[in-house]
Amino acid sequence: VRRAIEAIPEPFREAVVLRDLEELSYAEIAEVTGVPIGTVMSRLSRGRMILANELLPQREADGEQSRSLK
């Protein structure tokens, strides 16, 4: 999981880490990063999608049924 997180480009990784690991609110993330809440939401969505795609090969290797990620 650590390698997958490190593979996310910086602005998206920062949003994912601050929200999903450090449990900051969108408003708190916006304040910390200096961007609007809409940008935080966009970066978080894209970062989670990238993370899911990074983890997909591992899930398939573990024998879990995969689903299409767009």
PDB file of N, CA and C in Angstrom:
ATOM      1  N   VAL A   1       0.834  -1.191   0.000  1.00  0.00           N
ATOM      2  CA  VAL A   1       0.000   0.000   0.000  1.00  0.00           C
ATOM      3  C   VAL A   1       0.875   1.249   0.000  1.00  0.00           C
ATOM      4  N   ARG A   2       1.964   1.211   0.746  1.00  0.00           N
ATOM      5  CA  ARG A   2       2.863   2.369   0.800  1.00  0.00           C
ATOM      6  C   ARG A   2       3.396   2.712  -0.589  1.00  0.00           C
ATOM      7  N   ARG A   3       3.804   1.699  -1.354  1.00  0.00           N
ATOM      8  CA  ARG A   3       4.307   1.954  -2.706  1.00  0.00           C
ATOM      9  C   ARG A   3       3.221   2.544  -3.597  1.00  0.00           C
ATOM     10  N   ALA A   4       2.006   2.068  -3.431  1.00  0.00           N
ATOM     11  CA  ALA A   4       0.894   2.591  -4.227  1.00  0.00           C
ATOM     12  C   ALA A   4       0.636   4.054  -3.892  1.00  0.00           C
ATOM     13  N   ILE A   5       0.694   4.405  -2.619  1.00  0.00           N
ATOM     14  CA  ILE A   5       0.503   5.800  -2.211  1.00  0.00           C
ATOM     15  C   ILE A   5       1.628   6.663  -2.763  1.00  0.00           C
ATOM     16  N   GLU A   6       2.852   6.162  -2.713  1.00  0.00           N
ATOM     17  CA  GLU A   6       3.996   6.924  -3.219  1.00  0.00           C
ATOM     18  C   GLU A   6       3.931   7.123  -4.732  1.00  0.00           C
ATOM     19  N   ALA A   7       3.179   6.278  -5.429  1.00  0.00           N
ATOM     20  CA  ALA A   7       3.053   6.389  -6.884  1.00  0.00           C
ATOM     21  C   ALA A   7       2.069   7.484  -7.306  1.00  0.00           C
ATOM     22  N   ILE A   8       1.284   7.986  -6.371  1.00  0.00           N
ATOM     23  CA  ILE A   8       0.320   9.047  -6.684  1.00  0.00           C
ATOM     24  C   ILE A   8       1.078  10.363  -6.826  1.00  0.00           C
ATOM     25  N   PRO A   9       0.836  11.117  -7.908  1.00  0.00           N
ATOM     26  CA  PRO A   9       1.494  12.428  -8.043  1.00  0.00           C
ATOM     27  C   PRO A   9       1.190  13.332  -6.845  1.00  0.00           C
ATOM     28  N   GLU A  10       2.129  14.168  -6.492  1.00  0.00           N
ATOM     29  CA  GLU A  10       2.116  14.938  -5.248  1.00  0.00           C
ATOM     30  C   GLU A  10       0.805  15.641  -4.894  1.00  0.00           C
ATOM     31  N   PRO A  11       0.227  16.475  -5.742  1.00  0.00           N
ATOM     32  CA  PRO A  11      -0.960  17.194  -5.250  1.00  0.00           C
ATOM     33  C   PRO A  11      -2.114  16.255  -4.904  1.00  0.00           C
ATOM     34  N   PHE A  12      -2.214  15.139  -5.605  1.00  0.00           N
ATOM     35  CA  PHE A  12      -3.275  14.173  -5.344  1.00  0.00           C
ATOM     36  C   PHE A  12      -2.947  13.336  -4.109  1.00  0.00           C
ATOM     37  N   ARG A  13      -1.681  12.966  -3.984  1.00  0.00           N
ATOM     38  CA  ARG A  13      -1.239  12.195  -2.814  1.00  0.00           C
ATOM     39  C   ARG A  13      -1.469  12.992  -1.535  1.00  0.00           C
ATOM     40  N   GLU A  14      -1.119  14.272  -1.568  1.00  0.00           N
ATOM     41  CA  GLU A  14      -1.297  15.118  -0.392  1.00  0.00           C
ATOM     42  C   GLU A  14      -2.759  15.127   0.051  1.00  0.00           C
ATOM     43  N   ALA A  15      -3.679  15.267  -0.889  1.00  0.00           N
ATOM     44  CA  ALA A  15      -5.101  15.278  -0.552  1.00  0.00           C
ATOM     45  C   ALA A  15      -5.536  13.946   0.050  1.00  0.00           C
ATOM     46  N   VAL A  16      -5.110  12.843  -0.548  1.00  0.00           N
ATOM     47  CA  VAL A  16      -5.481  11.511  -0.049  1.00  0.00           C
ATOM     48  C   VAL A  16      -4.931  11.286   1.353  1.00  0.00           C
ATOM     49  N   VAL A  17      -3.676  11.618   1.564  1.00  0.00           N
ATOM     50  CA  VAL A  17      -3.053  11.411   2.875  1.00  0.00           C
ATOM     51  C   VAL A  17      -3.731  12.271   3.939  1.00  0.00           C
ATOM     52  N   LEU A  18      -3.955  13.541   3.626  1.00  0.00           N
ATOM     53  CA  LEU A  18      -4.566  14.431   4.617  1.00  0.00           C
ATOM     54  C   LEU A  18      -5.989  14.010   4.962  1.00  0.00           C
ATOM     55  N   ARG A  19      -6.747  13.532   3.979  1.00  0.00           N
ATOM     56  CA  ARG A  19      -8.140  13.156   4.236  1.00  0.00           C
ATOM     57  C   ARG A  19      -8.255  11.744   4.801  1.00  0.00           C
ATOM     58  N   ASP A  20      -7.662  10.776   4.120  1.00  0.00           N
ATOM     59  CA  ASP A  20      -7.902   9.376   4.461  1.00  0.00           C
ATOM     60  C   ASP A  20      -6.998   8.836   5.560  1.00  0.00           C
ATOM     61  N   LEU A  21      -5.827   9.403   5.725  1.00  0.00           N
ATOM     62  CA  LEU A  21      -4.931   8.931   6.779  1.00  0.00           C
ATOM     63  C   LEU A  21      -4.940   9.855   7.994  1.00  0.00           C
ATOM     64  N   GLU A  22      -4.919  11.163   7.746  1.00  0.00           N
ATOM     65  CA  GLU A  22      -4.895  12.113   8.860  1.00  0.00           C
ATOM     66  C   GLU A  22      -6.287  12.603   9.246  1.00  0.00           C
ATOM     67  N   GLU A  23      -7.302  12.234   8.449  1.00  0.00           N
ATOM     68  CA  GLU A  23      -8.713  12.511   8.723  1.00  0.00           C
ATOM     69  C   GLU A  23      -9.046  13.997   8.862  1.00  0.00           C
ATOM     70  N   LEU A  24      -8.381  14.842   8.069  1.00  0.00           N
ATOM     71  CA  LEU A  24      -8.722  16.257   8.048  1.00  0.00           C
ATOM     72  C   LEU A  24      -9.995  16.449   7.230  1.00  0.00           C
ATOM     73  N   SER A  25     -10.753  17.501   7.542  1.00  0.00           N
ATOM     74  CA  SER A  25     -11.939  17.840   6.759  1.00  0.00           C
ATOM     75  C   SER A  25     -11.505  18.492   5.451  1.00  0.00           C
ATOM     76  N   TYR A  26     -12.435  18.595   4.510  1.00  0.00           N
ATOM     77  CA  TYR A  26     -12.123  19.274   3.252  1.00  0.00           C
ATOM     78  C   TYR A  26     -11.683  20.706   3.520  1.00  0.00           C
ATOM     79  N   ALA A  27     -12.376  21.384   4.427  1.00  0.00           N
ATOM     80  CA  ALA A  27     -12.029  22.773   4.756  1.00  0.00           C
ATOM     81  C   ALA A  27     -10.621  22.858   5.341  1.00  0.00           C
ATOM     82  N   GLU A  28     -10.273  21.921   6.208  1.00  0.00           N
ATOM     83  CA  GLU A  28      -8.929  21.914   6.794  1.00  0.00           C
ATOM     84  C   GLU A  28      -7.866  21.657   5.727  1.00  0.00           C
ATOM     85  N   ILE A  29      -8.159  20.750   4.809  1.00  0.00           N
ATOM     86  CA  ILE A  29      -7.209  20.464   3.734  1.00  0.00           C
ATOM     87  C   ILE A  29      -7.040  21.694   2.851  1.00  0.00           C
ATOM     88  N   ALA A  30      -8.142  22.368   2.552  1.00  0.00           N
ATOM     89  CA  ALA A  30      -8.077  23.588   1.738  1.00  0.00           C
ATOM     90  C   ALA A  30      -7.204  24.632   2.416  1.00  0.00           C
ATOM     91  N   GLU A  31      -7.346  24.763   3.717  1.00  0.00           N
ATOM     92  CA  GLU A  31      -6.546  25.736   4.462  1.00  0.00           C
ATOM     93  C   GLU A  31      -5.064  25.360   4.448  1.00  0.00           C
ATOM     94  N   VAL A  32      -4.772  24.089   4.691  1.00  0.00           N
ATOM     95  CA  VAL A  32      -3.383  23.619   4.738  1.00  0.00           C
ATOM     96  C   VAL A  32      -2.698  23.760   3.379  1.00  0.00           C
ATOM     97  N   THR A  33      -3.425  23.426   2.320  1.00  0.00           N
ATOM     98  CA  THR A  33      -2.822  23.422   0.984  1.00  0.00           C
ATOM     99  C   THR A  33      -2.953  24.754   0.255  1.00  0.00           C
ATOM    100  N   GLY A  34      -3.836  25.615   0.740  1.00  0.00           N
ATOM    101  CA  GLY A  34      -4.015  26.919   0.111  1.00  0.00           C
ATOM    102  C   GLY A  34      -4.778  26.883  -1.201  1.00  0.00           C
ATOM    103  N   VAL A  35      -5.649  25.886  -1.359  1.00  0.00           N
ATOM    104  CA  VAL A  35      -6.468  25.785  -2.572  1.00  0.00           C
ATOM    105  C   VAL A  35      -7.944  25.755  -2.182  1.00  0.00           C
ATOM    106  N   PRO A  36      -8.844  26.077  -3.115  1.00  0.00           N
ATOM    107  CA  PRO A  36     -10.279  26.034  -2.819  1.00  0.00           C
ATOM    108  C   PRO A  36     -10.760  24.612  -2.502  1.00  0.00           C
ATOM    109  N   ILE A  37     -11.880  24.522  -1.780  1.00  0.00           N
ATOM    110  CA  ILE A  37     -12.438  23.215  -1.413  1.00  0.00           C
ATOM    111  C   ILE A  37     -12.751  22.384  -2.656  1.00  0.00           C
ATOM    112  N   GLY A  38     -13.235  23.020  -3.712  1.00  0.00           N
ATOM    113  CA  GLY A  38     -13.517  22.293  -4.954  1.00  0.00           C
ATOM    114  C   GLY A  38     -12.278  21.613  -5.515  1.00  0.00           C
ATOM    115  N   THR A  39     -11.152  22.285  -5.406  1.00  0.00           N
ATOM    116  CA  THR A  39      -9.888  21.703  -5.862  1.00  0.00           C
ATOM    117  C   THR A  39      -9.499  20.531  -4.975  1.00  0.00           C
ATOM    118  N   VAL A  40      -9.721  20.669  -3.673  1.00  0.00           N
ATOM    119  CA  VAL A  40      -9.453  19.566  -2.742  1.00  0.00           C
ATOM    120  C   VAL A  40     -10.284  18.353  -3.139  1.00  0.00           C
ATOM    121  N   MET A  41     -11.564  18.569  -3.395  1.00  0.00           N
ATOM    122  CA  MET A  41     -12.457  17.466  -3.755  1.00  0.00           C
ATOM    123  C   MET A  41     -12.010  16.797  -5.056  1.00  0.00           C
ATOM    124  N   SER A  42     -11.615  17.600  -6.025  1.00  0.00           N
ATOM    125  CA  SER A  42     -11.148  17.066  -7.302  1.00  0.00           C
ATOM    126  C   SER A  42      -9.864  16.257  -7.128  1.00  0.00           C
ATOM    127  N   ARG A  43      -8.920  16.818  -6.387  1.00  0.00           N
ATOM    128  CA  ARG A  43      -7.647  16.120  -6.157  1.00  0.00           C
ATOM    129  C   ARG A  43      -7.858  14.829  -5.381  1.00  0.00           C
ATOM    130  N   LEU A  44      -8.767  14.853  -4.430  1.00  0.00           N
ATOM    131  CA  LEU A  44      -9.051  13.660  -3.636  1.00  0.00           C
ATOM    132  C   LEU A  44      -9.673  12.571  -4.510  1.00  0.00           C
ATOM    133  N   SER A  45     -10.614  12.956  -5.340  1.00  0.00           N
ATOM    134  CA  SER A  45     -11.250  11.993  -6.234  1.00  0.00           C
ATOM    135  C   SER A  45     -10.232  11.375  -7.187  1.00  0.00           C
ATOM    136  N   ARG A  46      -9.433  12.215  -7.801  1.00  0.00           N
ATOM    137  CA  ARG A  46      -8.431  11.713  -8.746  1.00  0.00           C
ATOM    138  C   ARG A  46      -7.369  10.881  -8.025  1.00  0.00           C
ATOM    139  N   GLY A  47      -6.938  11.326  -6.860  1.00  0.00           N
ATOM    140  CA  GLY A  47      -5.941  10.578  -6.098  1.00  0.00           C
ATOM    141  C   GLY A  47      -6.430   9.204  -5.694  1.00  0.00           C
ATOM    142  N   ARG A  48      -7.694   9.125  -5.281  1.00  0.00           N
ATOM    143  CA  ARG A  48      -8.265   7.822  -4.915  1.00  0.00           C
ATOM    144  C   ARG A  48      -8.363   6.906  -6.123  1.00  0.00           C
ATOM    145  N   MET A  49      -8.691   7.476  -7.283  1.00  0.00           N
ATOM    146  CA  MET A  49      -8.769   6.675  -8.501  1.00  0.00           C
ATOM    147  C   MET A  49      -7.388   6.133  -8.871  1.00  0.00           C
ATOM    148  N   ILE A  50      -6.377   6.970  -8.778  1.00  0.00           N
ATOM    149  CA  ILE A  50      -5.007   6.534  -9.075  1.00  0.00           C
ATOM    150  C   ILE A  50      -4.586   5.447  -8.087  1.00  0.00           C
ATOM    151  N   LEU A  51      -4.898   5.640  -6.814  1.00  0.00           N
ATOM    152  CA  LEU A  51      -4.559   4.651  -5.792  1.00  0.00           C
ATOM    153  C   LEU A  51      -5.236   3.315  -6.084  1.00  0.00           C
ATOM    154  N   ALA A  52      -6.508   3.358  -6.428  1.00  0.00           N
ATOM    155  CA  ALA A  52      -7.233   2.123  -6.742  1.00  0.00           C
ATOM    156  C   ALA A  52      -6.593   1.407  -7.928  1.00  0.00           C
ATOM    157  N   ASN A  53      -6.207   2.163  -8.949  1.00  0.00           N
ATOM    158  CA  ASN A  53      -5.564   1.552 -10.115  1.00  0.00           C
ATOM    159  C   ASN A  53      -4.190   0.992  -9.784  1.00  0.00           C
ATOM    160  N   GLU A  54      -3.487   1.625  -8.861  1.00  0.00           N
ATOM    161  CA  GLU A  54      -2.184   1.109  -8.420  1.00  0.00           C
ATOM    162  C   GLU A  54      -2.357  -0.188  -7.632  1.00  0.00           C
ATOM    163  N   LEU A  55      -3.430  -0.283  -6.865  1.00  0.00           N
ATOM    164  CA  LEU A  55      -3.658  -1.465  -6.033  1.00  0.00           C
ATOM    165  C   LEU A  55      -4.299  -2.614  -6.806  1.00  0.00           C
ATOM    166  N   LEU A  56      -4.904  -2.330  -7.944  1.00  0.00           N
ATOM    167  CA  LEU A  56      -5.610  -3.347  -8.711  1.00  0.00           C
ATOM    168  C   LEU A  56      -4.742  -4.555  -9.061  1.00  0.00           C
ATOM    169  N   PRO A  57      -3.518  -4.382  -9.565  1.00  0.00           N
ATOM    170  CA  PRO A  57      -2.702  -5.572  -9.867  1.00  0.00           C
ATOM    171  C   PRO A  57      -2.458  -6.450  -8.635  1.00  0.00           C
ATOM    172  N   GLN A  58      -2.298  -5.845  -7.479  1.00  0.00           N
ATOM    173  CA  GLN A  58      -2.087  -6.619  -6.255  1.00  0.00           C
ATOM    174  C   GLN A  58      -3.347  -7.396  -5.894  1.00  0.00           C
ATOM    175  N   ARG A  59      -4.499  -6.754  -6.036  1.00  0.00           N
ATOM    176  CA  ARG A  59      -5.766  -7.434  -5.745  1.00  0.00           C
ATOM    177  C   ARG A  59      -5.951  -8.627  -6.667  1.00  0.00           C
ATOM    178  N   GLU A  60      -5.620  -8.438  -7.943  1.00  0.00           N
ATOM    179  CA  GLU A  60      -5.758  -9.538  -8.897  1.00  0.00           C
ATOM    180  C   GLU A  60      -4.779 -10.660  -8.571  1.00  0.00           C
ATOM    181  N   ALA A  61      -3.579 -10.309  -8.156  1.00  0.00           N
ATOM    182  CA  ALA A  61      -2.582 -11.316  -7.791  1.00  0.00           C
ATOM    183  C   ALA A  61      -3.023 -12.097  -6.561  1.00  0.00           C
ATOM    184  N   ASP A  62      -3.762 -11.431  -5.684  1.00  0.00           N
ATOM    185  CA  ASP A  62      -4.260 -12.090  -4.479  1.00  0.00           C
ATOM    186  C   ASP A  62      -5.516 -12.905  -4.754  1.00  0.00           C
ATOM    187  N   GLY A  63      -5.982 -12.897  -6.003  1.00  0.00           N
ATOM    188  CA  GLY A  63      -7.130 -13.704  -6.375  1.00  0.00           C
ATOM    189  C   GLY A  63      -8.468 -13.039  -6.147  1.00  0.00           C
ATOM    190  N   GLU A  64      -8.483 -11.759  -5.854  1.00  0.00           N
ATOM    191  CA  GLU A  64      -9.748 -11.060  -5.670  1.00  0.00           C
ATOM    192  C   GLU A  64     -10.317 -10.723  -7.033  1.00  0.00           C
ATOM    193  N   GLN A  65     -11.628 -10.745  -7.116  1.00  0.00           N
ATOM    194  CA  GLN A  65     -12.276 -10.387  -8.366  1.00  0.00           C
ATOM    195  C   GLN A  65     -12.115  -8.895  -8.593  1.00  0.00           C
ATOM    196  N   SER A  66     -11.660  -8.534  -9.778  1.00  0.00           N
ATOM    197  CA  SER A  66     -11.464  -7.118 -10.076  1.00  0.00           C
ATOM    198  C   SER A  66     -12.726  -6.537 -10.683  1.00  0.00           C
ATOM    199  N   ARG A  67     -12.810  -5.207 -10.602  1.00  0.00           N
ATOM    200  CA  ARG A  67     -13.904  -4.510 -11.259  1.00  0.00           C
ATOM    201  C   ARG A  67     -13.287  -3.413 -12.101  1.00  0.00           C
ATOM    202  N   SER A  68     -13.996  -3.003 -13.087  1.00  0.00           N
ATOM    203  CA  SER A  68     -13.481  -1.975 -13.994  1.00  0.00           C
ATOM    204  C   SER A  68     -13.381  -0.645 -13.278  1.00  0.00           C
ATOM    205  N   LEU A  69     -12.215  -0.013 -13.366  1.00  0.00           N
ATOM    206  CA  LEU A  69     -12.007   1.315 -12.793  1.00  0.00           C
ATOM    207  C   LEU A  69     -11.768   2.278 -13.932  1.00  0.00           C
ATOM    208  N   LYS A  70     -12.568   3.315 -13.985  1.00  0.00           N
ATOM    209  CA  LYS A  70     -12.425   4.297 -15.059  1.00  0.00           C
ATOM    210  C   LYS A  70     -11.741   5.513 -14.554  1.00  0.00           C
TER     211      LYS A  70
END
